[in-house]
Amino acid sequence: AQPFCSPTRASILTGLNVRQHGVATYADALD
């Protein structure tokens, strides 16, 4: 998984890595 909650959830939902979906921290928002 990713090291934090929201980057992982964004990867599940979008099928992308962090650099692609942009959710790098637990405070970032998925566009």
PDB file of all heavy atoms in Angstrom:
ATOM      1  N   ALA A   1       0.861  -1.177   0.000  1.00  0.00           N
ATOM      2  CA  ALA A   1       0.000   0.000   0.000  1.00  0.00           C
ATOM      3  C   ALA A   1       0.901   1.231   0.000  1.00  0.00           C
ATOM      4  O   ALA A   1       2.131   1.123   0.035  1.00  0.00           O
ATOM      5  CB  ALA A   1      -0.897  -0.012   1.236  1.00  0.00           C
ATOM      6  N   GLN A   2       0.304   2.402  -0.024  1.00  0.00           N
ATOM      7  CA  GLN A   2       1.062   3.622   0.202  1.00  0.00           C
ATOM      8  C   GLN A   2       1.298   3.780   1.706  1.00  0.00           C
ATOM      9  O   GLN A   2       0.635   3.142   2.522  1.00  0.00           O
ATOM     10  CB  GLN A   2       0.312   4.835  -0.363  1.00  0.00           C
ATOM     11  CG  GLN A   2      -0.159   4.679  -1.804  1.00  0.00           C
ATOM     12  CD  GLN A   2       0.974   4.523  -2.811  1.00  0.00           C
ATOM     13  OE1 GLN A   2       2.156   4.552  -2.473  1.00  0.00           O
ATOM     14  NE2 GLN A   2       0.614   4.339  -4.081  1.00  0.00           N
ATOM     15  N   PRO A   3       2.242   4.638   2.116  1.00  0.00           N
ATOM     16  CA  PRO A   3       2.574   4.731   3.539  1.00  0.00           C
ATOM     17  C   PRO A   3       1.497   5.363   4.422  1.00  0.00           C
ATOM     18  O   PRO A   3       1.574   5.257   5.646  1.00  0.00           O
ATOM     19  CB  PRO A   3       3.844   5.598   3.544  1.00  0.00           C
ATOM     20  CG  PRO A   3       4.424   5.451   2.176  1.00  0.00           C
ATOM     21  CD  PRO A   3       3.232   5.340   1.279  1.00  0.00           C
ATOM     22  N   PHE A   4       0.514   6.052   3.818  1.00  0.00           N
ATOM     23  CA  PHE A   4      -0.546   6.694   4.590  1.00  0.00           C
ATOM     24  C   PHE A   4      -1.914   6.346   4.017  1.00  0.00           C
ATOM     25  O   PHE A   4      -2.046   5.909   2.863  1.00  0.00           O
ATOM     26  CB  PHE A   4      -0.378   8.221   4.596  1.00  0.00           C
ATOM     27  CG  PHE A   4       0.634   8.728   5.582  1.00  0.00           C
ATOM     28  CD1 PHE A   4       1.857   9.196   5.143  1.00  0.00           C
ATOM     29  CD2 PHE A   4       0.381   8.721   6.950  1.00  0.00           C
ATOM     30  CE1 PHE A   4       2.802   9.669   6.031  1.00  0.00           C
ATOM     31  CE2 PHE A   4       1.314   9.185   7.850  1.00  0.00           C
ATOM     32  CZ  PHE A   4       2.536   9.666   7.401  1.00  0.00           C
ATOM     33  N   CYS A   5      -2.947   6.640   4.832  1.00  0.00           N
ATOM     34  CA  CYS A   5      -4.326   6.235   4.530  1.00  0.00           C
ATOM     35  C   CYS A   5      -4.840   6.773   3.206  1.00  0.00           C
ATOM     36  O   CYS A   5      -5.272   6.016   2.337  1.00  0.00           O
ATOM     37  CB  CYS A   5      -5.259   6.721   5.639  1.00  0.00           C
ATOM     38  SG  CYS A   5      -4.725   6.376   7.324  1.00  0.00           S
ATOM     39  N   SER A   6      -4.878   8.115   3.062  1.00  0.00           N
ATOM     40  CA  SER A   6      -5.535   8.681   1.884  1.00  0.00           C
ATOM     41  C   SER A   6      -4.792   8.405   0.584  1.00  0.00           C
ATOM     42  O   SER A   6      -5.450   8.151  -0.441  1.00  0.00           O
ATOM     43  CB  SER A   6      -5.785  10.179   2.071  1.00  0.00           C
ATOM     44  OG  SER A   6      -4.632  10.840   2.526  1.00  0.00           O
ATOM     45  N   PRO A   7      -3.445   8.440   0.527  1.00  0.00           N
ATOM     46  CA  PRO A   7      -2.798   8.040  -0.728  1.00  0.00           C
ATOM     47  C   PRO A   7      -3.158   6.616  -1.168  1.00  0.00           C
ATOM     48  O   PRO A   7      -3.326   6.355  -2.364  1.00  0.00           O
ATOM     49  CB  PRO A   7      -1.305   8.176  -0.397  1.00  0.00           C
ATOM     50  CG  PRO A   7      -1.245   9.226   0.655  1.00  0.00           C
ATOM     51  CD  PRO A   7      -2.469   8.984   1.487  1.00  0.00           C
ATOM     52  N   THR A   8      -3.290   5.702  -0.201  1.00  0.00           N
ATOM     53  CA  THR A   8      -3.697   4.330  -0.536  1.00  0.00           C
ATOM     54  C   THR A   8      -5.107   4.290  -1.089  1.00  0.00           C
ATOM     55  O   THR A   8      -5.388   3.646  -2.110  1.00  0.00           O
ATOM     56  CB  THR A   8      -3.600   3.422   0.696  1.00  0.00           C
ATOM     57  OG1 THR A   8      -2.226   3.163   0.983  1.00  0.00           O
ATOM     58  CG2 THR A   8      -4.319   2.098   0.484  1.00  0.00           C
ATOM     59  N   ARG A   9      -6.027   4.967  -0.436  1.00  0.00           N
ATOM     60  CA  ARG A   9      -7.420   4.936  -0.888  1.00  0.00           C
ATOM     61  C   ARG A   9      -7.551   5.536  -2.286  1.00  0.00           C
ATOM     62  O   ARG A   9      -8.326   5.045  -3.122  1.00  0.00           O
ATOM     63  CB  ARG A   9      -8.301   5.670   0.131  1.00  0.00           C
ATOM     64  CG  ARG A   9      -8.379   4.923   1.452  1.00  0.00           C
ATOM     65  CD  ARG A   9      -8.800   5.816   2.626  1.00  0.00           C
ATOM     66  NE  ARG A   9      -8.305   5.229   3.851  1.00  0.00           N
ATOM     67  CZ  ARG A   9      -8.970   4.350   4.592  1.00  0.00           C
ATOM     68  NH1 ARG A   9     -10.178   3.975   4.239  1.00  0.00           N
ATOM     69  NH2 ARG A   9      -8.427   3.847   5.684  1.00  0.00           N
ATOM     70  N   ALA A  10      -6.770   6.599  -2.540  1.00  0.00           N
ATOM     71  CA  ALA A  10      -6.776   7.193  -3.873  1.00  0.00           C
ATOM     72  C   ALA A  10      -6.212   6.228  -4.908  1.00  0.00           C
ATOM     73  O   ALA A  10      -6.688   6.181  -6.052  1.00  0.00           O
ATOM     74  CB  ALA A  10      -5.995   8.505  -3.865  1.00  0.00           C
ATOM     75  N   SER A  11      -5.196   5.445  -4.542  1.00  0.00           N
ATOM     76  CA  SER A  11      -4.649   4.449  -5.475  1.00  0.00           C
ATOM     77  C   SER A  11      -5.649   3.345  -5.765  1.00  0.00           C
ATOM     78  O   SER A  11      -5.747   2.860  -6.893  1.00  0.00           O
ATOM     79  CB  SER A  11      -3.350   3.862  -4.915  1.00  0.00           C
ATOM     80  OG  SER A  11      -2.285   4.790  -4.989  1.00  0.00           O
ATOM     81  N   ILE A  12      -6.396   2.924  -4.751  1.00  0.00           N
ATOM     82  CA  ILE A  12      -7.434   1.907  -4.978  1.00  0.00           C
ATOM     83  C   ILE A  12      -8.492   2.444  -5.937  1.00  0.00           C
ATOM     84  O   ILE A  12      -8.875   1.791  -6.907  1.00  0.00           O
ATOM     85  CB  ILE A  12      -8.084   1.489  -3.643  1.00  0.00           C
ATOM     86  CG1 ILE A  12      -7.083   0.758  -2.749  1.00  0.00           C
ATOM     87  CG2 ILE A  12      -9.308   0.602  -3.901  1.00  0.00           C
ATOM     88  CD1 ILE A  12      -7.607   0.469  -1.341  1.00  0.00           C
ATOM     89  N   LEU A  13      -8.974   3.647  -5.671  1.00  0.00           N
ATOM     90  CA  LEU A  13     -10.088   4.205  -6.439  1.00  0.00           C
ATOM     91  C   LEU A  13      -9.709   4.520  -7.881  1.00  0.00           C
ATOM     92  O   LEU A  13     -10.515   4.335  -8.799  1.00  0.00           O
ATOM     93  CB  LEU A  13     -10.596   5.479  -5.754  1.00  0.00           C
ATOM     94  CG  LEU A  13     -11.898   6.063  -6.287  1.00  0.00           C
ATOM     95  CD1 LEU A  13     -13.069   5.143  -5.962  1.00  0.00           C
ATOM     96  CD2 LEU A  13     -12.131   7.460  -5.719  1.00  0.00           C
ATOM     97  N   THR A  14      -8.456   4.997  -8.096  1.00  0.00           N
ATOM     98  CA  THR A  14      -8.048   5.458  -9.432  1.00  0.00           C
ATOM     99  C   THR A  14      -7.153   4.475 -10.177  1.00  0.00           C
ATOM    100  O   THR A  14      -6.952   4.626 -11.385  1.00  0.00           O
ATOM    101  CB  THR A  14      -7.292   6.792  -9.332  1.00  0.00           C
ATOM    102  OG1 THR A  14      -6.043   6.580  -8.638  1.00  0.00           O
ATOM    103  CG2 THR A  14      -8.112   7.846  -8.600  1.00  0.00           C
ATOM    104  N   GLY A  15      -6.559   3.502  -9.466  1.00  0.00           N
ATOM    105  CA  GLY A  15      -5.616   2.588 -10.094  1.00  0.00           C
ATOM    106  C   GLY A  15      -4.281   3.225 -10.423  1.00  0.00           C
ATOM    107  O   GLY A  15      -3.527   2.700 -11.240  1.00  0.00           O
ATOM    108  N   LEU A  16      -3.945   4.331  -9.751  1.00  0.00           N
ATOM    109  CA  LEU A  16      -2.757   5.105 -10.079  1.00  0.00           C
ATOM    110  C   LEU A  16      -1.779   5.164  -8.911  1.00  0.00           C
ATOM    111  O   LEU A  16      -2.139   4.933  -7.752  1.00  0.00           O
ATOM    112  CB  LEU A  16      -3.155   6.533 -10.463  1.00  0.00           C
ATOM    113  CG  LEU A  16      -4.086   6.683 -11.672  1.00  0.00           C
ATOM    114  CD1 LEU A  16      -4.458   8.147 -11.870  1.00  0.00           C
ATOM    115  CD2 LEU A  16      -3.446   6.108 -12.932  1.00  0.00           C
ATOM    116  N   ASN A  17      -0.533   5.522  -9.226  1.00  0.00           N
ATOM    117  CA  ASN A  17       0.471   5.809  -8.214  1.00  0.00           C
ATOM    118  C   ASN A  17       0.309   7.238  -7.709  1.00  0.00           C
ATOM    119  O   ASN A  17      -0.420   8.054  -8.285  1.00  0.00           O
ATOM    120  CB  ASN A  17       1.874   5.613  -8.791  1.00  0.00           C
ATOM    121  CG  ASN A  17       2.207   4.154  -9.018  1.00  0.00           C
ATOM    122  OD1 ASN A  17       1.868   3.289  -8.213  1.00  0.00           O
ATOM    123  ND2 ASN A  17       2.877   3.861 -10.134  1.00  0.00           N
ATOM    124  N   VAL A  18       1.034   7.553  -6.641  1.00  0.00           N
ATOM    125  CA  VAL A  18       0.881   8.848  -5.983  1.00  0.00           C
ATOM    126  C   VAL A  18       1.201  10.007  -6.925  1.00  0.00           C
ATOM    127  O   VAL A  18       0.479  11.010  -6.967  1.00  0.00           O
ATOM    128  CB  VAL A  18       1.765   8.909  -4.722  1.00  0.00           C
ATOM    129  CG1 VAL A  18       1.861  10.330  -4.177  1.00  0.00           C
ATOM    130  CG2 VAL A  18       1.202   7.976  -3.648  1.00  0.00           C
ATOM    131  N   ARG A  19       2.296   9.900  -7.677  1.00  0.00           N
ATOM    132  CA  ARG A  19       2.656  10.990  -8.589  1.00  0.00           C
ATOM    133  C   ARG A  19       1.547  11.232  -9.609  1.00  0.00           C
ATOM    134  O   ARG A  19       1.341  12.372 -10.059  1.00  0.00           O
ATOM    135  CB  ARG A  19       3.967  10.667  -9.308  1.00  0.00           C
ATOM    136  CG  ARG A  19       4.449  11.773 -10.237  1.00  0.00           C
ATOM    137  CD  ARG A  19       5.856  11.488 -10.749  1.00  0.00           C
ATOM    138  NE  ARG A  19       6.303  12.528 -11.652  1.00  0.00           N
ATOM    139  CZ  ARG A  19       6.129  12.512 -12.969  1.00  0.00           C
ATOM    140  NH1 ARG A  19       5.535  11.462 -13.537  1.00  0.00           N
ATOM    141  NH2 ARG A  19       6.573  13.508 -13.724  1.00  0.00           N
ATOM    142  N   GLN A  20       0.800  10.203  -9.957  1.00  0.00           N
ATOM    143  CA  GLN A  20      -0.270  10.347 -10.938  1.00  0.00           C
ATOM    144  C   GLN A  20      -1.542  10.933 -10.335  1.00  0.00           C
ATOM    145  O   GLN A  20      -2.166  11.821 -10.928  1.00  0.00           O
ATOM    146  CB  GLN A  20      -0.589   8.992 -11.571  1.00  0.00           C
ATOM    147  CG  GLN A  20       0.545   8.376 -12.385  1.00  0.00           C
ATOM    148  CD  GLN A  20       0.220   6.946 -12.796  1.00  0.00           C
ATOM    149  OE1 GLN A  20       0.091   6.059 -11.957  1.00  0.00           O
ATOM    150  NE2 GLN A  20       0.070   6.729 -14.098  1.00  0.00           N
ATOM    151  N   HIS A  21      -1.951  10.446  -9.163  1.00  0.00           N
ATOM    152  CA  HIS A  21      -3.220  10.936  -8.605  1.00  0.00           C
ATOM    153  C   HIS A  21      -3.065  12.163  -7.712  1.00  0.00           C
ATOM    154  O   HIS A  21      -4.048  12.847  -7.410  1.00  0.00           O
ATOM    155  CB  HIS A  21      -4.011   9.836  -7.900  1.00  0.00           C
ATOM    156  CG  HIS A  21      -3.361   9.204  -6.708  1.00  0.00           C
ATOM    157  ND1 HIS A  21      -2.920   9.897  -5.608  1.00  0.00           N
ATOM    158  CD2 HIS A  21      -3.128   7.886  -6.428  1.00  0.00           C
ATOM    159  CE1 HIS A  21      -2.439   9.064  -4.704  1.00  0.00           C
ATOM    160  NE2 HIS A  21      -2.541   7.829  -5.175  1.00  0.00           N
ATOM    161  N   GLY A  22      -1.840  12.475  -7.286  1.00  0.00           N
ATOM    162  CA  GLY A  22      -1.591  13.725  -6.596  1.00  0.00           C
ATOM    163  C   GLY A  22      -1.899  13.757  -5.117  1.00  0.00           C
ATOM    164  O   GLY A  22      -1.733  14.795  -4.469  1.00  0.00           O
ATOM    165  N   VAL A  23      -2.328  12.642  -4.533  1.00  0.00           N
ATOM    166  CA  VAL A  23      -2.618  12.605  -3.089  1.00  0.00           C
ATOM    167  C   VAL A  23      -1.364  12.071  -2.399  1.00  0.00           C
ATOM    168  O   VAL A  23      -1.217  10.866  -2.193  1.00  0.00           O
ATOM    169  CB  VAL A  23      -3.848  11.739  -2.783  1.00  0.00           C
ATOM    170  CG1 VAL A  23      -4.153  11.746  -1.288  1.00  0.00           C
ATOM    171  CG2 VAL A  23      -5.053  12.243  -3.562  1.00  0.00           C
ATOM    172  N   ALA A  24      -0.456  12.978  -2.055  1.00  0.00           N
ATOM    173  CA  ALA A  24       0.838  12.583  -1.510  1.00  0.00           C
ATOM    174  C   ALA A  24       0.862  12.587   0.011  1.00  0.00           C
ATOM    175  O   ALA A  24       1.695  11.910   0.617  1.00  0.00           O
ATOM    176  CB  ALA A  24       1.943  13.508  -2.033  1.00  0.00           C
ATOM    177  N   THR A  25      -0.042  13.334   0.644  1.00  0.00           N
ATOM    178  CA  THR A  25      -0.084  13.397   2.107  1.00  0.00           C
ATOM    179  C   THR A  25      -1.473  12.995   2.587  1.00  0.00           C
ATOM    180  O   THR A  25      -2.424  12.897   1.811  1.00  0.00           O
ATOM    181  CB  THR A  25       0.222  14.817   2.625  1.00  0.00           C
ATOM    182  OG1 THR A  25      -0.964  15.636   2.504  1.00  0.00           O
ATOM    183  CG2 THR A  25       1.353  15.475   1.844  1.00  0.00           C
ATOM    184  N   TYR A  26      -1.598  12.839   3.901  1.00  0.00           N
ATOM    185  CA  TYR A  26      -2.903  12.492   4.460  1.00  0.00           C
ATOM    186  C   TYR A  26      -3.858  13.683   4.461  1.00  0.00           C
ATOM    187  O   TYR A  26      -5.034  13.534   4.798  1.00  0.00           O
ATOM    188  CB  TYR A  26      -2.769  11.906   5.859  1.00  0.00           C
ATOM    189  CG  TYR A  26      -2.005  12.763   6.848  1.00  0.00           C
ATOM    190  CD1 TYR A  26      -2.563  13.895   7.415  1.00  0.00           C
ATOM    191  CD2 TYR A  26      -0.708  12.429   7.220  1.00  0.00           C
ATOM    192  CE1 TYR A  26      -1.870  14.678   8.322  1.00  0.00           C
ATOM    193  CE2 TYR A  26       0.000  13.191   8.123  1.00  0.00           C
ATOM    194  CZ  TYR A  26      -0.583  14.322   8.676  1.00  0.00           C
ATOM    195  OH  TYR A  26       0.122  15.093   9.569  1.00  0.00           O
ATOM    196  N   ALA A  27      -3.362  14.881   4.085  1.00  0.00           N
ATOM    197  CA  ALA A  27      -4.229  16.058   4.027  1.00  0.00           C
ATOM    198  C   ALA A  27      -4.641  16.429   2.614  1.00  0.00           C
ATOM    199  O   ALA A  27      -5.496  17.296   2.423  1.00  0.00           O
ATOM    200  CB  ALA A  27      -3.511  17.242   4.675  1.00  0.00           C
ATOM    201  N   ASP A  28      -4.041  15.807   1.600  1.00  0.00           N
ATOM    202  CA  ASP A  28      -4.327  16.167   0.217  1.00  0.00           C
ATOM    203  C   ASP A  28      -5.706  15.677  -0.222  1.00  0.00           C
ATOM    204  O   ASP A  28      -6.216  14.672   0.278  1.00  0.00           O
ATOM    205  CB  ASP A  28      -3.269  15.569  -0.723  1.00  0.00           C
ATOM    206  CG  ASP A  28      -1.914  16.231  -0.577  1.00  0.00           C
ATOM    207  OD1 ASP A  28      -1.868  17.367  -0.074  1.00  0.00           O
ATOM    208  OD2 ASP A  28      -0.909  15.606  -0.957  1.00  0.00           O
ATOM    209  N   ALA A  29      -6.275  16.401  -1.185  1.00  0.00           N
ATOM    210  CA  ALA A  29      -7.586  16.050  -1.729  1.00  0.00           C
ATOM    211  C   ALA A  29      -7.434  15.454  -3.122  1.00  0.00           C
ATOM    212  O   ALA A  29      -6.662  15.960  -3.945  1.00  0.00           O
ATOM    213  CB  ALA A  29      -8.471  17.286  -1.792  1.00  0.00           C
ATOM    214  N   LEU A  30      -8.164  14.405  -3.398  1.00  0.00           N
ATOM    215  CA  LEU A  30      -8.209  13.817  -4.734  1.00  0.00           C
ATOM    216  C   LEU A  30      -9.104  14.679  -5.621  1.00  0.00           C
ATOM    217  O   LEU A  30     -10.266  14.937  -5.273  1.00  0.00           O
ATOM    218  CB  LEU A  30      -8.754  12.388  -4.668  1.00  0.00           C
ATOM    219  CG  LEU A  30      -8.875  11.641  -6.004  1.00  0.00           C
ATOM    220  CD1 LEU A  30      -7.498  11.412  -6.621  1.00  0.00           C
ATOM    221  CD2 LEU A  30      -9.600  10.308  -5.804  1.00  0.00           C
ATOM    222  N   ASP A  31      -8.563  15.121  -6.756  1.00  0.00           N
ATOM    223  CA  ASP A  31      -9.339  15.989  -7.632  1.00  0.00           C
ATOM    224  C   ASP A  31     -10.487  15.216  -8.286  1.00  0.00           C
ATOM    225  O   ASP A  31     -10.344  14.042  -8.655  1.00  0.00           O
ATOM    226  CB  ASP A  31      -8.442  16.601  -8.709  1.00  0.00           C
ATOM    227  CG  ASP A  31      -9.139  17.706  -9.468  1.00  0.00           C
ATOM    228  OD1 ASP A  31      -9.246  18.823  -8.931  1.00  0.00           O
ATOM    229  OD2 ASP A  31      -9.613  17.438 -10.586  1.00  0.00           O
TER     230      ASP A  31
END
